[in-house]
Amino acid sequence: MAMRFEWMGLDHVQLEAPAGCEEEARRFFSGLLGMEEVEKPEKLRVRGGAWFRCGMQMIHVGVEASFVPAKKAHPAFLVRNIETLMRHLEEHGVAYRLDDEIPGLIRFFTEDPFGNRLEFMEVR
């Protein structure tokens, strides 16, 4: 059977966070990382959370009543000038862990304010 659809890419990745997370999410994703906040559709605003643009994709921070941080599953952000980002995070007291396990990549891991794992990488 032939498939008649085409993969276009990812639209967004959803991260979970506890109730009341919105201001801290804005501080981290917009304030610290410089991502543009995207206004949620009116019907979804009652659910809480916040959306942020990351290149052509988005990060949706969604409220989960039984929130548990994701320690393994994570988004991986592709960036340019990763050393500048690392210095920026250091200046703001954000710890990260460098990883050199994949040849041709500079990459590191950190956590969002809610304990979710985040990966940042640059192809070299």
PDB file of N, CA and C in Angstrom:
ATOM      1  N   MET A   1       0.848  -1.182   0.000  1.00  0.00           N
ATOM      2  CA  MET A   1       0.000   0.000   0.000  1.00  0.00           C
ATOM      3  C   MET A   1       0.890   1.242   0.000  1.00  0.00           C
ATOM      4  N   ALA A   2       0.714   2.116  -0.946  1.00  0.00           N
ATOM      5  CA  ALA A   2       1.502   3.341  -1.058  1.00  0.00           C
ATOM      6  C   ALA A   2       0.985   4.394  -0.085  1.00  0.00           C
ATOM      7  N   MET A   3       1.904   5.051   0.598  1.00  0.00           N
ATOM      8  CA  MET A   3       1.514   6.147   1.478  1.00  0.00           C
ATOM      9  C   MET A   3       1.321   7.394   0.632  1.00  0.00           C
ATOM     10  N   ARG A   4       0.283   8.142   0.915  1.00  0.00           N
ATOM     11  CA  ARG A   4      -0.037   9.322   0.120  1.00  0.00           C
ATOM     12  C   ARG A   4       0.023  10.590   0.950  1.00  0.00           C
ATOM     13  N   PHE A   5       0.967  10.627   1.857  1.00  0.00           N
ATOM     14  CA  PHE A   5       1.163  11.851   2.620  1.00  0.00           C
ATOM     15  C   PHE A   5       2.642  12.189   2.623  1.00  0.00           C
ATOM     16  N   GLU A   6       2.951  13.392   3.056  1.00  0.00           N
ATOM     17  CA  GLU A   6       4.330  13.871   3.055  1.00  0.00           C
ATOM     18  C   GLU A   6       4.655  14.455   4.421  1.00  0.00           C
ATOM     19  N   TRP A   7       5.787  14.054   4.958  1.00  0.00           N
ATOM     20  CA  TRP A   7       6.241  14.632   6.229  1.00  0.00           C
ATOM     21  C   TRP A   7       6.683  16.062   5.981  1.00  0.00           C
ATOM     22  N   MET A   8       6.200  16.988   6.783  1.00  0.00           N
ATOM     23  CA  MET A   8       6.544  18.398   6.643  1.00  0.00           C
ATOM     24  C   MET A   8       7.476  18.873   7.760  1.00  0.00           C
ATOM     25  N   GLY A   9       7.593  18.125   8.839  1.00  0.00           N
ATOM     26  CA  GLY A   9       8.425  18.519   9.970  1.00  0.00           C
ATOM     27  C   GLY A   9       7.607  18.552  11.247  1.00  0.00           C
ATOM     28  N   LEU A  10       8.203  19.063  12.285  1.00  0.00           N
ATOM     29  CA  LEU A  10       7.521  19.188  13.575  1.00  0.00           C
ATOM     30  C   LEU A  10       6.929  20.584  13.718  1.00  0.00           C
ATOM     31  N   ASP A  11       5.739  20.670  14.255  1.00  0.00           N
ATOM     32  CA  ASP A  11       5.113  21.954  14.550  1.00  0.00           C
ATOM     33  C   ASP A  11       5.497  22.420  15.947  1.00  0.00           C
ATOM     34  N   HIS A  12       5.393  21.516  16.924  1.00  0.00           N
ATOM     35  CA  HIS A  12       5.715  21.895  18.296  1.00  0.00           C
ATOM     36  C   HIS A  12       6.070  20.674  19.130  1.00  0.00           C
ATOM     37  N   VAL A  13       6.675  20.962  20.255  1.00  0.00           N
ATOM     38  CA  VAL A  13       6.940  19.966  21.285  1.00  0.00           C
ATOM     39  C   VAL A  13       6.270  20.484  22.549  1.00  0.00           C
ATOM     40  N   GLN A  14       5.595  19.605  23.255  1.00  0.00           N
ATOM     41  CA  GLN A  14       4.924  20.008  24.491  1.00  0.00           C
ATOM     42  C   GLN A  14       5.759  19.589  25.689  1.00  0.00           C
ATOM     43  N   LEU A  15       5.968  20.532  26.592  1.00  0.00           N
ATOM     44  CA  LEU A  15       6.601  20.272  27.877  1.00  0.00           C
ATOM     45  C   LEU A  15       5.544  20.451  28.952  1.00  0.00           C
ATOM     46  N   GLU A  16       5.580  19.605  29.961  1.00  0.00           N
ATOM     47  CA  GLU A  16       4.637  19.739  31.063  1.00  0.00           C
ATOM     48  C   GLU A  16       5.223  20.634  32.140  1.00  0.00           C
ATOM     49  N   ALA A  17       4.327  21.258  32.890  1.00  0.00           N
ATOM     50  CA  ALA A  17       4.717  22.115  33.998  1.00  0.00           C
ATOM     51  C   ALA A  17       3.577  22.128  35.013  1.00  0.00           C
ATOM     52  N   PRO A  18       3.862  22.538  36.242  1.00  0.00           N
ATOM     53  CA  PRO A  18       2.805  22.579  37.257  1.00  0.00           C
ATOM     54  C   PRO A  18       1.886  23.786  37.068  1.00  0.00           C
ATOM     55  N   ALA A  19       0.739  23.748  37.688  1.00  0.00           N
ATOM     56  CA  ALA A  19      -0.201  24.872  37.659  1.00  0.00           C
ATOM     57  C   ALA A  19       0.511  26.125  38.149  1.00  0.00           C
ATOM     58  N   GLY A  20       0.179  27.262  37.553  1.00  0.00           N
ATOM     59  CA  GLY A  20       0.788  28.524  37.944  1.00  0.00           C
ATOM     60  C   GLY A  20       2.166  28.762  37.334  1.00  0.00           C
ATOM     61  N   CYS A  21       2.513  28.001  36.314  1.00  0.00           N
ATOM     62  CA  CYS A  21       3.847  28.035  35.712  1.00  0.00           C
ATOM     63  C   CYS A  21       4.084  29.182  34.742  1.00  0.00           C
ATOM     64  N   GLU A  22       3.050  29.874  34.340  1.00  0.00           N
ATOM     65  CA  GLU A  22       3.126  30.781  33.203  1.00  0.00           C
ATOM     66  C   GLU A  22       4.209  31.861  33.329  1.00  0.00           C
ATOM     67  N   GLU A  23       4.257  32.569  34.442  1.00  0.00           N
ATOM     68  CA  GLU A  23       5.239  33.656  34.571  1.00  0.00           C
ATOM     69  C   GLU A  23       6.664  33.127  34.569  1.00  0.00           C
ATOM     70  N   GLU A  24       6.893  32.005  35.236  1.00  0.00           N
ATOM     71  CA  GLU A  24       8.231  31.409  35.250  1.00  0.00           C
ATOM     72  C   GLU A  24       8.601  30.905  33.855  1.00  0.00           C
ATOM     73  N   ALA A  25       7.638  30.346  33.126  1.00  0.00           N
ATOM     74  CA  ALA A  25       7.889  29.911  31.746  1.00  0.00           C
ATOM     75  C   ALA A  25       8.238  31.108  30.870  1.00  0.00           C
ATOM     76  N   ARG A  26       7.526  32.204  31.027  1.00  0.00           N
ATOM     77  CA  ARG A  26       7.824  33.417  30.250  1.00  0.00           C
ATOM     78  C   ARG A  26       9.211  33.953  30.595  1.00  0.00           C
ATOM     79  N   ARG A  27       9.549  33.967  31.875  1.00  0.00           N
ATOM     80  CA  ARG A  27      10.850  34.457  32.294  1.00  0.00           C
ATOM     81  C   ARG A  27      11.969  33.634  31.664  1.00  0.00           C
ATOM     82  N   PHE A  28      11.795  32.311  31.629  1.00  0.00           N
ATOM     83  CA  PHE A  28      12.834  31.425  31.110  1.00  0.00           C
ATOM     84  C   PHE A  28      12.872  31.412  29.584  1.00  0.00           C
ATOM     85  N   PHE A  29      11.763  31.061  28.951  1.00  0.00           N
ATOM     86  CA  PHE A  29      11.767  30.872  27.503  1.00  0.00           C
ATOM     87  C   PHE A  29      11.833  32.193  26.733  1.00  0.00           C
ATOM     88  N   SER A  30      11.116  33.215  27.175  1.00  0.00           N
ATOM     89  CA  SER A  30      11.175  34.520  26.505  1.00  0.00           C
ATOM     90  C   SER A  30      12.306  35.373  27.062  1.00  0.00           C
ATOM     91  N   GLY A  31      12.295  35.565  28.378  1.00  0.00           N
ATOM     92  CA  GLY A  31      13.265  36.455  29.000  1.00  0.00           C
ATOM     93  C   GLY A  31      14.695  35.980  28.869  1.00  0.00           C
ATOM     94  N   LEU A  32      14.968  34.752  29.256  1.00  0.00           N
ATOM     95  CA  LEU A  32      16.334  34.235  29.245  1.00  0.00           C
ATOM     96  C   LEU A  32      16.760  33.733  27.875  1.00  0.00           C
ATOM     97  N   LEU A  33      15.924  32.907  27.233  1.00  0.00           N
ATOM     98  CA  LEU A  33      16.298  32.308  25.956  1.00  0.00           C
ATOM     99  C   LEU A  33      15.922  33.154  24.744  1.00  0.00           C
ATOM    100  N   GLY A  34      15.104  34.183  24.936  1.00  0.00           N
ATOM    101  CA  GLY A  34      14.772  35.080  23.837  1.00  0.00           C
ATOM    102  C   GLY A  34      13.755  34.560  22.845  1.00  0.00           C
ATOM    103  N   MET A  35      13.001  33.536  23.218  1.00  0.00           N
ATOM    104  CA  MET A  35      11.961  33.027  22.319  1.00  0.00           C
ATOM    105  C   MET A  35      10.743  33.951  22.375  1.00  0.00           C
ATOM    106  N   GLU A  36      10.124  34.145  21.227  1.00  0.00           N
ATOM    107  CA  GLU A  36       8.922  34.964  21.151  1.00  0.00           C
ATOM    108  C   GLU A  36       7.737  34.179  21.711  1.00  0.00           C
ATOM    109  N   GLU A  37       6.964  34.803  22.600  1.00  0.00           N
ATOM    110  CA  GLU A  37       5.746  34.144  23.074  1.00  0.00           C
ATOM    111  C   GLU A  37       4.685  34.244  21.991  1.00  0.00           C
ATOM    112  N   VAL A  38       3.953  33.158  21.784  1.00  0.00           N
ATOM    113  CA  VAL A  38       2.870  33.089  20.811  1.00  0.00           C
ATOM    114  C   VAL A  38       1.566  33.052  21.594  1.00  0.00           C
ATOM    115  N   GLU A  39       0.650  33.925  21.242  1.00  0.00           N
ATOM    116  CA  GLU A  39      -0.628  33.956  21.943  1.00  0.00           C
ATOM    117  C   GLU A  39      -1.400  32.672  21.667  1.00  0.00           C
ATOM    118  N   LYS A  40      -1.870  32.043  22.746  1.00  0.00           N
ATOM    119  CA  LYS A  40      -2.653  30.825  22.589  1.00  0.00           C
ATOM    120  C   LYS A  40      -4.047  31.177  22.074  1.00  0.00           C
ATOM    121  N   PRO A  41      -4.658  30.279  21.313  1.00  0.00           N
ATOM    122  CA  PRO A  41      -6.044  30.510  20.902  1.00  0.00           C
ATOM    123  C   PRO A  41      -6.937  30.682  22.140  1.00  0.00           C
ATOM    124  N   GLU A  42      -7.921  31.532  22.010  1.00  0.00           N
ATOM    125  CA  GLU A  42      -8.780  31.885  23.144  1.00  0.00           C
ATOM    126  C   GLU A  42      -9.346  30.664  23.862  1.00  0.00           C
ATOM    127  N   LYS A  43      -9.817  29.673  23.127  1.00  0.00           N
ATOM    128  CA  LYS A  43     -10.438  28.503  23.747  1.00  0.00           C
ATOM    129  C   LYS A  43      -9.441  27.663  24.539  1.00  0.00           C
ATOM    130  N   LEU A  44      -8.144  27.805  24.268  1.00  0.00           N
ATOM    131  CA  LEU A  44      -7.127  27.024  24.984  1.00  0.00           C
ATOM    132  C   LEU A  44      -6.537  27.766  26.181  1.00  0.00           C
ATOM    133  N   ARG A  45      -6.764  29.058  26.279  1.00  0.00           N
ATOM    134  CA  ARG A  45      -6.174  29.843  27.373  1.00  0.00           C
ATOM    135  C   ARG A  45      -6.614  29.374  28.747  1.00  0.00           C
ATOM    136  N   VAL A  46      -7.827  28.861  28.859  1.00  0.00           N
ATOM    137  CA  VAL A  46      -8.335  28.430  30.168  1.00  0.00           C
ATOM    138  C   VAL A  46      -7.550  27.244  30.730  1.00  0.00           C
ATOM    139  N   ARG A  47      -6.824  26.553  29.877  1.00  0.00           N
ATOM    140  CA  ARG A  47      -6.025  25.403  30.318  1.00  0.00           C
ATOM    141  C   ARG A  47      -4.719  25.814  30.989  1.00  0.00           C
ATOM    142  N   GLY A  48      -4.342  27.094  30.844  1.00  0.00           N
ATOM    143  CA  GLY A  48      -3.073  27.564  31.390  1.00  0.00           C
ATOM    144  C   GLY A  48      -1.927  27.244  30.460  1.00  0.00           C
ATOM    145  N   GLY A  49      -0.721  27.523  30.926  1.00  0.00           N
ATOM    146  CA  GLY A  49       0.465  27.274  30.128  1.00  0.00           C
ATOM    147  C   GLY A  49       0.773  28.434  29.201  1.00  0.00           C
ATOM    148  N   ALA A  50       1.778  28.257  28.350  1.00  0.00           N
ATOM    149  CA  ALA A  50       2.209  29.304  27.426  1.00  0.00           C
ATOM    150  C   ALA A  50       2.908  28.655  26.235  1.00  0.00           C
ATOM    151  N   TRP A  51       2.891  29.355  25.102  1.00  0.00           N
ATOM    152  CA  TRP A  51       3.526  28.867  23.881  1.00  0.00           C
ATOM    153  C   TRP A  51       4.647  29.814  23.469  1.00  0.00           C
ATOM    154  N   PHE A  52       5.716  29.251  22.901  1.00  0.00           N
ATOM    155  CA  PHE A  52       6.879  30.036  22.493  1.00  0.00           C
ATOM    156  C   PHE A  52       7.381  29.563  21.137  1.00  0.00           C
ATOM    157  N   ARG A  53       7.808  30.510  20.299  1.00  0.00           N
ATOM    158  CA  ARG A  53       8.331  30.189  18.977  1.00  0.00           C
ATOM    159  C   ARG A  53       9.832  29.983  19.072  1.00  0.00           C
ATOM    160  N   CYS A  54      10.280  28.902  18.424  1.00  0.00           N
ATOM    161  CA  CYS A  54      11.688  28.522  18.384  1.00  0.00           C
ATOM    162  C   CYS A  54      12.020  28.219  16.934  1.00  0.00           C
ATOM    163  N   GLY A  55      12.465  29.226  16.168  1.00  0.00           N
ATOM    164  CA  GLY A  55      12.645  29.036  14.738  1.00  0.00           C
ATOM    165  C   GLY A  55      11.283  28.846  14.087  1.00  0.00           C
ATOM    166  N   MET A  56      11.133  27.783  13.306  1.00  0.00           N
ATOM    167  CA  MET A  56       9.861  27.487  12.654  1.00  0.00           C
ATOM    168  C   MET A  56       8.944  26.652  13.542  1.00  0.00           C
ATOM    169  N   GLN A  57       9.461  26.159  14.640  1.00  0.00           N
ATOM    170  CA  GLN A  57       8.697  25.307  15.535  1.00  0.00           C
ATOM    171  C   GLN A  57       8.311  26.069  16.802  1.00  0.00           C
ATOM    172  N   MET A  58       7.517  25.412  17.628  1.00  0.00           N
ATOM    173  CA  MET A  58       7.111  26.014  18.892  1.00  0.00           C
ATOM    174  C   MET A  58       7.327  25.045  20.044  1.00  0.00           C
ATOM    175  N   ILE A  59       7.431  25.635  21.211  1.00  0.00           N
ATOM    176  CA  ILE A  59       7.430  24.904  22.477  1.00  0.00           C
ATOM    177  C   ILE A  59       6.120  25.264  23.155  1.00  0.00           C
ATOM    178  N   HIS A  60       5.334  24.274  23.493  1.00  0.00           N
ATOM    179  CA  HIS A  60       4.106  24.488  24.252  1.00  0.00           C
ATOM    180  C   HIS A  60       4.380  24.038  25.684  1.00  0.00           C
ATOM    181  N   VAL A  61       4.250  24.942  26.623  1.00  0.00           N
ATOM    182  CA  VAL A  61       4.366  24.592  28.034  1.00  0.00           C
ATOM    183  C   VAL A  61       2.934  24.421  28.520  1.00  0.00           C
ATOM    184  N   GLY A  62       2.585  23.183  28.869  1.00  0.00           N
ATOM    185  CA  GLY A  62       1.220  22.867  29.262  1.00  0.00           C
ATOM    186  C   GLY A  62       1.127  22.478  30.721  1.00  0.00           C
ATOM    187  N   VAL A  63       0.038  22.862  31.343  1.00  0.00           N
ATOM    188  CA  VAL A  63      -0.188  22.563  32.758  1.00  0.00           C
ATOM    189  C   VAL A  63      -0.657  21.122  32.908  1.00  0.00           C
ATOM    190  N   GLU A  64      -0.036  20.416  33.820  1.00  0.00           N
ATOM    191  CA  GLU A  64      -0.406  19.029  34.131  1.00  0.00           C
ATOM    192  C   GLU A  64      -0.618  18.937  35.636  1.00  0.00           C
ATOM    193  N   ALA A  65      -1.829  18.524  36.040  1.00  0.00           N
ATOM    194  CA  ALA A  65      -2.157  18.447  37.472  1.00  0.00           C
ATOM    195  C   ALA A  65      -1.219  17.506  38.224  1.00  0.00           C
ATOM    196  N   SER A  66      -0.873  16.398  37.630  1.00  0.00           N
ATOM    197  CA  SER A  66       0.019  15.435  38.288  1.00  0.00           C
ATOM    198  C   SER A  66       1.421  15.539  37.688  1.00  0.00           C
ATOM    199  N   PHE A  67       1.935  16.766  37.614  1.00  0.00           N
ATOM    200  CA  PHE A  67       3.203  17.052  36.959  1.00  0.00           C
ATOM    201  C   PHE A  67       4.382  16.301  37.568  1.00  0.00           C
ATOM    202  N   VAL A  68       5.175  15.693  36.680  1.00  0.00           N
ATOM    203  CA  VAL A  68       6.458  15.077  37.019  1.00  0.00           C
ATOM    204  C   VAL A  68       7.425  15.503  35.918  1.00  0.00           C
ATOM    205  N   PRO A  69       8.574  16.098  36.251  1.00  0.00           N
ATOM    206  CA  PRO A  69       9.494  16.547  35.208  1.00  0.00           C
ATOM    207  C   PRO A  69       9.991  15.402  34.335  1.00  0.00           C
ATOM    208  N   ALA A  70      10.182  15.695  33.056  1.00  0.00           N
ATOM    209  CA  ALA A  70      10.727  14.717  32.117  1.00  0.00           C
ATOM    210  C   ALA A  70      12.251  14.744  32.236  1.00  0.00           C
ATOM    211  N   LYS A  71      12.833  13.666  32.697  1.00  0.00           N
ATOM    212  CA  LYS A  71      14.283  13.594  32.904  1.00  0.00           C
ATOM    213  C   LYS A  71      15.007  12.937  31.736  1.00  0.00           C
ATOM    214  N   LYS A  72      14.306  12.196  30.905  1.00  0.00           N
ATOM    215  CA  LYS A  72      14.911  11.529  29.743  1.00  0.00           C
ATOM    216  C   LYS A  72      14.369  12.137  28.441  1.00  0.00           C
ATOM    217  N   ALA A  73      13.048  12.092  28.262  1.00  0.00           N
ATOM    218  CA  ALA A  73      12.435  12.677  27.063  1.00  0.00           C
ATOM    219  C   ALA A  73      12.710  14.179  27.067  1.00  0.00           C
ATOM    220  N   HIS A  74      13.019  14.744  25.883  1.00  0.00           N
ATOM    221  CA  HIS A  74      13.372  16.158  25.847  1.00  0.00           C
ATOM    222  C   HIS A  74      13.346  16.693  24.416  1.00  0.00           C
ATOM    223  N   PRO A  75      13.162  18.021  24.279  1.00  0.00           N
ATOM    224  CA  PRO A  75      13.381  18.634  22.975  1.00  0.00           C
ATOM    225  C   PRO A  75      14.875  18.901  22.813  1.00  0.00           C
ATOM    226  N   ALA A  76      15.343  18.890  21.578  1.00  0.00           N
ATOM    227  CA  ALA A  76      16.730  19.231  21.264  1.00  0.00           C
ATOM    228  C   ALA A  76      16.693  20.457  20.348  1.00  0.00           C
ATOM    229  N   PHE A  77      17.264  21.547  20.811  1.00  0.00           N
ATOM    230  CA  PHE A  77      17.255  22.808  20.082  1.00  0.00           C
ATOM    231  C   PHE A  77      18.530  22.938  19.259  1.00  0.00           C
ATOM    232  N   LEU A  78      18.386  23.226  17.985  1.00  0.00           N
ATOM    233  CA  LEU A  78      19.514  23.457  17.099  1.00  0.00           C
ATOM    234  C   LEU A  78      19.782  24.956  17.087  1.00  0.00           C
ATOM    235  N   VAL A  79      21.019  25.354  17.436  1.00  0.00           N
ATOM    236  CA  VAL A  79      21.355  26.777  17.553  1.00  0.00           C
ATOM    237  C   VAL A  79      22.627  27.095  16.780  1.00  0.00           C
ATOM    238  N   ARG A  80      22.839  28.393  16.548  1.00  0.00           N
ATOM    239  CA  ARG A  80      24.113  28.903  16.028  1.00  0.00           C
ATOM    240  C   ARG A  80      24.799  29.631  17.173  1.00  0.00           C
ATOM    241  N   ASN A  81      26.129  29.629  17.172  1.00  0.00           N
ATOM    242  CA  ASN A  81      26.904  30.321  18.199  1.00  0.00           C
ATOM    243  C   ASN A  81      26.594  29.788  19.596  1.00  0.00           C
ATOM    244  N   ILE A  82      26.674  28.491  19.736  1.00  0.00           N
ATOM    245  CA  ILE A  82      26.313  27.834  20.988  1.00  0.00           C
ATOM    246  C   ILE A  82      27.176  28.301  22.164  1.00  0.00           C
ATOM    247  N   GLU A  83      28.435  28.666  21.889  1.00  0.00           N
ATOM    248  CA  GLU A  83      29.288  29.149  22.974  1.00  0.00           C
ATOM    249  C   GLU A  83      28.721  30.431  23.586  1.00  0.00           C
ATOM    250  N   THR A  84      28.138  31.286  22.752  1.00  0.00           N
ATOM    251  CA  THR A  84      27.505  32.512  23.257  1.00  0.00           C
ATOM    252  C   THR A  84      26.331  32.163  24.156  1.00  0.00           C
ATOM    253  N   LEU A  85      25.533  31.190  23.754  1.00  0.00           N
ATOM    254  CA  LEU A  85      24.416  30.746  24.581  1.00  0.00           C
ATOM    255  C   LEU A  85      24.925  30.184  25.901  1.00  0.00           C
ATOM    256  N   MET A  86      25.978  29.395  25.875  1.00  0.00           N
ATOM    257  CA  MET A  86      26.520  28.828  27.114  1.00  0.00           C
ATOM    258  C   MET A  86      26.984  29.934  28.051  1.00  0.00           C
ATOM    259  N   ARG A  87      27.686  30.944  27.529  1.00  0.00           N
ATOM    260  CA  ARG A  87      28.123  32.066  28.382  1.00  0.00           C
ATOM    261  C   ARG A  87      26.920  32.807  28.956  1.00  0.00           C
ATOM    262  N   HIS A  88      25.906  33.013  28.125  1.00  0.00           N
ATOM    263  CA  HIS A  88      24.692  33.699  28.573  1.00  0.00           C
ATOM    264  C   HIS A  88      24.037  32.941  29.730  1.00  0.00           C
ATOM    265  N   LEU A  89      23.929  31.631  29.599  1.00  0.00           N
ATOM    266  CA  LEU A  89      23.332  30.830  30.669  1.00  0.00           C
ATOM    267  C   LEU A  89      24.184  30.894  31.936  1.00  0.00           C
ATOM    268  N   GLU A  90      25.512  30.792  31.773  1.00  0.00           N
ATOM    269  CA  GLU A  90      26.410  30.891  32.935  1.00  0.00           C
ATOM    270  C   GLU A  90      26.227  32.219  33.659  1.00  0.00           C
ATOM    271  N   GLU A  91      26.149  33.315  32.896  1.00  0.00           N
ATOM    272  CA  GLU A  91      25.967  34.645  33.483  1.00  0.00           C
ATOM    273  C   GLU A  91      24.674  34.760  34.276  1.00  0.00           C
ATOM    274  N   HIS A  92      23.705  33.932  33.938  1.00  0.00           N
ATOM    275  CA  HIS A  92      22.411  33.959  34.624  1.00  0.00           C
ATOM    276  C   HIS A  92      22.242  32.793  35.599  1.00  0.00           C
ATOM    277  N   GLY A  93      23.336  32.134  35.919  1.00  0.00           N
ATOM    278  CA  GLY A  93      23.306  31.087  36.937  1.00  0.00           C
ATOM    279  C   GLY A  93      22.637  29.799  36.527  1.00  0.00           C
ATOM    280  N   VAL A  94      22.531  29.544  35.225  1.00  0.00           N
ATOM    281  CA  VAL A  94      21.903  28.312  34.744  1.00  0.00           C
ATOM    282  C   VAL A  94      23.001  27.276  34.495  1.00  0.00           C
ATOM    283  N   ALA A  95      22.959  26.187  35.226  1.00  0.00           N
ATOM    284  CA  ALA A  95      23.942  25.116  35.078  1.00  0.00           C
ATOM    285  C   ALA A  95      23.609  24.269  33.854  1.00  0.00           C
ATOM    286  N   TYR A  96      24.654  23.714  33.234  1.00  0.00           N
ATOM    287  CA  TYR A  96      24.471  22.816  32.111  1.00  0.00           C
ATOM    288  C   TYR A  96      25.593  21.789  32.123  1.00  0.00           C
ATOM    289  N   ARG A  97      25.384  20.721  31.343  1.00  0.00           N
ATOM    290  CA  ARG A  97      26.371  19.646  31.250  1.00  0.00           C
ATOM    291  C   ARG A  97      26.734  19.438  29.789  1.00  0.00           C
ATOM    292  N   LEU A  98      28.019  19.656  29.466  1.00  0.00           N
ATOM    293  CA  LEU A  98      28.503  19.404  28.115  1.00  0.00           C
ATOM    294  C   LEU A  98      28.484  17.916  27.819  1.00  0.00           C
ATOM    295  N   ASP A  99      28.300  17.582  26.562  1.00  0.00           N
ATOM    296  CA  ASP A  99      28.285  16.182  26.134  1.00  0.00           C
ATOM    297  C   ASP A  99      29.026  16.083  24.810  1.00  0.00           C
ATOM    298  N   ASP A 100      30.001  15.175  24.733  1.00  0.00           N
ATOM    299  CA  ASP A 100      30.784  15.037  23.501  1.00  0.00           C
ATOM    300  C   ASP A 100      30.641  13.646  22.882  1.00  0.00           C
ATOM    301  N   GLU A 101      29.532  12.992  23.116  1.00  0.00           N
ATOM    302  CA  GLU A 101      29.346  11.615  22.658  1.00  0.00           C
ATOM    303  C   GLU A 101      29.007  11.488  21.176  1.00  0.00           C
ATOM    304  N   ILE A 102      28.582  12.560  20.533  1.00  0.00           N
ATOM    305  CA  ILE A 102      28.232  12.488  19.109  1.00  0.00           C
ATOM    306  C   ILE A 102      29.227  13.337  18.325  1.00  0.00           C
ATOM    307  N   PRO A 103      30.054  12.703  17.489  1.00  0.00           N
ATOM    308  CA  PRO A 103      31.027  13.450  16.689  1.00  0.00           C
ATOM    309  C   PRO A 103      30.332  14.483  15.796  1.00  0.00           C
ATOM    310  N   GLY A 104      30.972  15.635  15.642  1.00  0.00           N
ATOM    311  CA  GLY A 104      30.436  16.671  14.770  1.00  0.00           C
ATOM    312  C   GLY A 104      29.419  17.582  15.420  1.00  0.00           C
ATOM    313  N   LEU A 105      29.126  17.363  16.701  1.00  0.00           N
ATOM    314  CA  LEU A 105      28.173  18.213  17.420  1.00  0.00           C
ATOM    315  C   LEU A 105      28.822  18.808  18.657  1.00  0.00           C
ATOM    316  N   ILE A 106      28.502  20.057  18.916  1.00  0.00           N
ATOM    317  CA  ILE A 106      28.725  20.633  20.238  1.00  0.00           C
ATOM    318  C   ILE A 106      27.347  20.615  20.875  1.00  0.00           C
ATOM    319  N   ARG A 107      27.234  20.009  22.034  1.00  0.00           N
ATOM    320  CA  ARG A 107      25.914  19.961  22.647  1.00  0.00           C
ATOM    321  C   ARG A 107      26.023  19.955  24.165  1.00  0.00           C
ATOM    322  N   PHE A 108      24.924  20.408  24.771  1.00  0.00           N
ATOM    323  CA  PHE A 108      24.838  20.386  26.225  1.00  0.00           C
ATOM    324  C   PHE A 108      23.391  20.181  26.651  1.00  0.00           C
ATOM    325  N   PHE A 109      23.253  19.776  27.904  1.00  0.00           N
ATOM    326  CA  PHE A 109      21.941  19.554  28.510  1.00  0.00           C
ATOM    327  C   PHE A 109      21.769  20.494  29.697  1.00  0.00           C
ATOM    328  N   THR A 110      20.551  20.951  29.891  1.00  0.00           N
ATOM    329  CA  THR A 110      20.190  21.734  31.066  1.00  0.00           C
ATOM    330  C   THR A 110      18.735  21.405  31.388  1.00  0.00           C
ATOM    331  N   GLU A 111      18.159  22.129  32.311  1.00  0.00           N
ATOM    332  CA  GLU A 111      16.751  21.926  32.676  1.00  0.00           C
ATOM    333  C   GLU A 111      16.009  23.240  32.627  1.00  0.00           C
ATOM    334  N   ASP A 112      14.719  23.166  32.297  1.00  0.00           N
ATOM    335  CA  ASP A 112      13.879  24.354  32.397  1.00  0.00           C
ATOM    336  C   ASP A 112      13.571  24.587  33.880  1.00  0.00           C
ATOM    337  N   PRO A 113      12.881  25.648  34.231  1.00  0.00           N
ATOM    338  CA  PRO A 113      12.618  25.925  35.649  1.00  0.00           C
ATOM    339  C   PRO A 113      11.786  24.850  36.353  1.00  0.00           C
ATOM    340  N   PHE A 114      11.192  23.944  35.578  1.00  0.00           N
ATOM    341  CA  PHE A 114      10.319  22.920  36.146  1.00  0.00           C
ATOM    342  C   PHE A 114      11.000  21.564  36.232  1.00  0.00           C
ATOM    343  N   GLY A 115      12.284  21.497  35.837  1.00  0.00           N
ATOM    344  CA  GLY A 115      13.049  20.262  35.924  1.00  0.00           C
ATOM    345  C   GLY A 115      13.022  19.402  34.675  1.00  0.00           C
ATOM    346  N   ASN A 116      12.397  19.877  33.595  1.00  0.00           N
ATOM    347  CA  ASN A 116      12.384  19.128  32.339  1.00  0.00           C
ATOM    348  C   ASN A 116      13.742  19.235  31.656  1.00  0.00           C
ATOM    349  N   ARG A 117      14.218  18.130  31.110  1.00  0.00           N
ATOM    350  CA  ARG A 117      15.494  18.093  30.407  1.00  0.00           C
ATOM    351  C   ARG A 117      15.390  18.840  29.078  1.00  0.00           C
ATOM    352  N   LEU A 118      16.417  19.640  28.762  1.00  0.00           N
ATOM    353  CA  LEU A 118      16.516  20.361  27.499  1.00  0.00           C
ATOM    354  C   LEU A 118      17.894  20.112  26.906  1.00  0.00           C
ATOM    355  N   GLU A 119      17.965  19.930  25.604  1.00  0.00           N
ATOM    356  CA  GLU A 119      19.231  19.747  24.909  1.00  0.00           C
ATOM    357  C   GLU A 119      19.414  20.882  23.915  1.00  0.00           C
ATOM    358  N   PHE A 120      20.640  21.379  23.826  1.00  0.00           N
ATOM    359  CA  PHE A 120      20.996  22.414  22.856  1.00  0.00           C
ATOM    360  C   PHE A 120      22.190  21.888  22.069  1.00  0.00           C
ATOM    361  N   MET A 121      22.175  22.088  20.737  1.00  0.00           N
ATOM    362  CA  MET A 121      23.259  21.547  19.920  1.00  0.00           C
ATOM    363  C   MET A 121      23.572  22.465  18.748  1.00  0.00           C
ATOM    364  N   GLU A 122      24.836  22.376  18.311  1.00  0.00           N
ATOM    365  CA  GLU A 122      25.287  23.059  17.106  1.00  0.00           C
ATOM    366  C   GLU A 122      26.113  22.082  16.300  1.00  0.00           C
ATOM    367  N   VAL A 123      25.831  22.004  15.018  1.00  0.00           N
ATOM    368  CA  VAL A 123      26.579  21.129  14.118  1.00  0.00           C
ATOM    369  C   VAL A 123      27.907  21.807  13.781  1.00  0.00           C
ATOM    370  N   ARG A 124      28.978  21.050  13.893  1.00  0.00           N
ATOM    371  CA  ARG A 124      30.312  21.592  13.552  1.00  0.00           C
ATOM    372  C   ARG A 124      30.884  20.855  12.394  1.00  0.00           C
TER     373      ARG A 124
END
